[in-house]
Amino acid sequence: MPGLTHVFLDCAAAAFSDLLPAGHPLPNADHVARRTLESMGTDGVELTVAEHGAKLVGYVGFGWSRDPDALPGIAEVWSMFVHPSAWRGGVGSRLMENAMDGLRAAGHGEVTLWSFLANERANAFYESCGMTRDGARRREAVWADVDQVRYRRSL
């Protein structure tokens, strides 16, 4: 999808550069976009995009939870990126509402998502959406093993 890579790159650069160790590269954007689109072909996984005019300004991917400790009925927001030019303009809220509605309609009772522990802007947004930290943590090499926390909310 044209624009998916652009949204990811610009958002990740603006939001994550200060959270990653100096010189650590962002994940390959083309790989991330390809992986995101491929996962959307999986049963029970959806992608919603937000456009302003003909320009893609955000997207959210959501579906069943990939976490090994997830019980049946638990869903996950797999990825959510909003272009920095659209931050604080309601795009993220509308994407999140769409994801919650879609997951609820699919019969899920709870939803989780992962965020960097130090990503105060995003974490404040998730908390404004009714999500709370559930105590789980992880680290991923692709993200320089930076601490991540899991958020959860009832649908």
Protein backbone atom coordinates (compact mmCIF):
# COMPACT_ATOMS: atom_id res chain seq x y z
CA MET A 1 0.00 0.00 0.00
CA PRO A 2 1.53 3.31 -1.03
CA GLY A 3 2.25 5.49 1.97
CA LEU A 4 2.45 2.75 4.60
CA THR A 5 6.25 2.82 4.57
CA HIS A 6 6.28 6.63 4.63
CA VAL A 7 3.95 6.78 7.64
CA PHE A 8 5.98 4.17 9.51
CA LEU A 9 9.35 5.83 8.78
CA ASP A 10 8.29 9.36 9.66
CA CYS A 11 6.41 8.29 12.77
CA ALA A 12 9.14 5.96 14.01
CA ALA A 13 11.84 8.58 13.43
CA ALA A 14 9.87 11.25 15.30
CA ALA A 15 8.64 9.04 18.13
CA PHE A 16 11.43 6.53 18.70
CA SER A 17 14.74 8.25 17.88
CA ASP A 18 15.17 9.54 21.42
CA LEU A 19 14.16 6.17 22.91
CA LEU A 20 16.70 4.04 21.04
CA PRO A 21 20.44 4.04 21.70
CA ALA A 22 22.38 6.52 19.57
CA GLY A 23 23.10 5.07 16.15
CA HIS A 24 20.67 2.15 16.44
CA PRO A 25 18.80 1.90 13.14
CA LEU A 26 15.05 1.75 12.90
CA PRO A 27 13.70 -1.55 11.58
CA ASN A 28 13.70 -1.76 7.79
CA ALA A 29 10.57 0.13 6.76
CA ASP A 30 9.92 -1.89 3.61
CA HIS A 31 10.13 -5.09 5.64
CA VAL A 32 7.77 -3.67 8.27
CA ALA A 33 5.27 -2.57 5.61
CA ARG A 34 5.46 -5.92 3.81
CA ARG A 35 5.07 -7.85 7.08
CA THR A 36 2.12 -5.64 8.08
CA LEU A 37 0.35 -6.18 4.78
CA GLU A 38 1.04 -9.94 4.81
CA SER A 39 -0.35 -10.27 8.33
CA MET A 40 -3.52 -8.54 7.19
CA GLY A 41 -4.18 -11.53 4.94
CA THR A 42 -4.44 -13.70 8.06
CA ASP A 43 -7.92 -14.71 9.26
CA GLY A 44 -9.09 -12.45 12.06
CA VAL A 45 -6.57 -9.66 11.40
CA GLU A 46 -7.60 -6.32 9.94
CA LEU A 47 -5.92 -3.13 8.80
CA THR A 48 -7.66 0.23 8.92
CA VAL A 49 -6.09 3.26 7.28
CA ALA A 50 -6.74 6.97 7.72
CA GLU A 51 -6.39 9.32 4.80
CA HIS A 52 -6.38 13.07 4.47
CA GLY A 53 -7.28 13.80 0.88
CA ALA A 54 -5.33 11.25 -1.12
CA LYS A 55 -2.54 10.99 1.47
CA LEU A 56 -2.28 8.14 3.97
CA VAL A 57 -1.79 9.65 7.44
CA GLY A 58 -2.17 6.63 9.72
CA TYR A 59 -2.99 2.98 10.12
CA VAL A 60 -3.86 0.42 12.76
CA GLY A 61 -3.56 -3.36 12.48
CA PHE A 62 -5.50 -5.51 14.93
CA GLY A 63 -6.69 -9.05 15.52
CA TRP A 64 -6.08 -12.07 17.72
CA SER A 65 -3.31 -11.76 20.29
CA ARG A 66 0.14 -13.06 19.37
CA ASP A 67 1.24 -13.20 23.03
CA PRO A 68 2.08 -16.69 24.30
CA ASP A 69 0.11 -16.09 27.52
CA ALA A 70 -3.06 -14.90 25.75
CA LEU A 71 -6.27 -16.69 26.62
CA PRO A 72 -9.10 -17.17 24.12
CA GLY A 73 -11.01 -13.93 23.52
CA ILE A 74 -7.95 -11.73 23.94
CA ALA A 75 -7.16 -9.50 20.98
CA GLU A 76 -4.20 -7.29 20.18
CA VAL A 77 -3.53 -4.00 18.46
CA TRP A 78 -0.59 -5.25 16.38
CA SER A 79 0.62 -1.89 15.16
CA MET A 80 -0.55 1.69 15.15
CA PHE A 81 1.21 4.56 13.47
CA VAL A 82 0.04 8.09 12.76
CA HIS A 83 2.13 10.46 10.68
CA PRO A 84 3.58 13.25 12.86
CA SER A 85 1.80 15.86 10.73
CA ALA A 86 -1.48 14.40 11.97
CA TRP A 87 -0.57 14.01 15.67
CA ARG A 88 -3.10 15.50 18.07
CA GLY A 89 -5.66 15.90 15.29
CA GLY A 90 -7.99 13.03 16.22
CA VAL A 91 -6.64 10.51 13.69
CA GLY A 92 -5.26 8.19 16.37
CA SER A 93 -8.49 8.32 18.36
CA ARG A 94 -10.59 7.44 15.32
CA LEU A 95 -8.24 4.59 14.37
CA MET A 96 -8.32 3.22 17.92
CA GLU A 97 -12.13 3.47 18.08
CA ASN A 98 -12.38 1.59 14.78
CA ALA A 99 -10.07 -1.14 16.08
CA MET A 100 -12.05 -1.49 19.33
CA ASP A 101 -15.34 -1.68 17.42
CA GLY A 102 -13.95 -4.28 15.02
CA LEU A 103 -12.52 -6.43 17.82
CA ARG A 104 -15.75 -6.20 19.82
CA ALA A 105 -17.76 -7.22 16.73
CA ALA A 106 -15.42 -10.19 16.25
CA GLY A 107 -16.31 -11.41 19.74
CA HIS A 108 -13.18 -10.44 21.66
CA GLY A 109 -13.56 -9.43 25.30
CA GLU A 110 -10.21 -7.76 25.93
CA VAL A 111 -7.45 -6.12 23.92
CA THR A 112 -3.75 -5.61 24.54
CA LEU A 113 -0.98 -3.64 22.88
CA TRP A 114 2.74 -3.13 23.46
CA SER A 115 4.45 0.24 23.89
CA PHE A 116 7.90 1.44 24.85
CA LEU A 117 8.07 2.10 28.58
CA ALA A 118 9.62 5.54 27.98
CA ASN A 119 7.23 6.59 25.19
CA GLU A 120 5.32 9.05 27.33
CA ARG A 121 3.34 10.64 24.48
CA ALA A 122 2.00 7.31 23.18
CA ASN A 123 1.44 5.92 26.65
CA ALA A 124 -0.62 8.96 27.64
CA PHE A 125 -2.69 8.43 24.49
CA TYR A 126 -3.28 4.73 25.26
CA GLU A 127 -4.26 5.60 28.82
CA SER A 128 -6.71 8.21 27.50
CA CYS A 129 -8.28 5.34 25.52
CA GLY A 130 -8.94 3.44 28.76
CA MET A 131 -5.91 1.14 28.60
CA THR A 132 -3.84 0.29 31.67
CA ARG A 133 -0.53 -1.48 32.10
CA ASP A 134 -1.01 -5.12 33.05
CA GLY A 135 2.50 -5.76 34.42
CA ALA A 136 3.91 -7.67 31.43
CA ARG A 137 7.20 -6.50 29.92
CA ARG A 138 9.32 -7.53 26.97
CA ARG A 139 12.35 -6.55 24.92
CA GLU A 140 12.99 -7.14 21.23
CA ALA A 141 16.38 -7.05 19.51
CA VAL A 142 14.98 -5.18 16.50
CA TRP A 143 14.14 -2.35 18.91
CA ALA A 144 17.56 -2.44 20.67
CA ASP A 145 16.11 -4.39 23.61
CA VAL A 146 14.39 -1.23 24.88
CA ASP A 147 11.86 -1.98 27.63
CA GLN A 148 8.28 -2.39 26.44
CA VAL A 149 5.15 -2.59 28.57
CA ARG A 150 1.84 -4.20 27.73
CA TYR A 151 -1.41 -2.28 27.98
CA ARG A 152 -4.82 -3.93 28.32
CA ARG A 153 -8.46 -2.96 28.40
CA SER A 154 -11.84 -4.58 28.39
CA LEU A 155 -13.94 -4.28 25.27
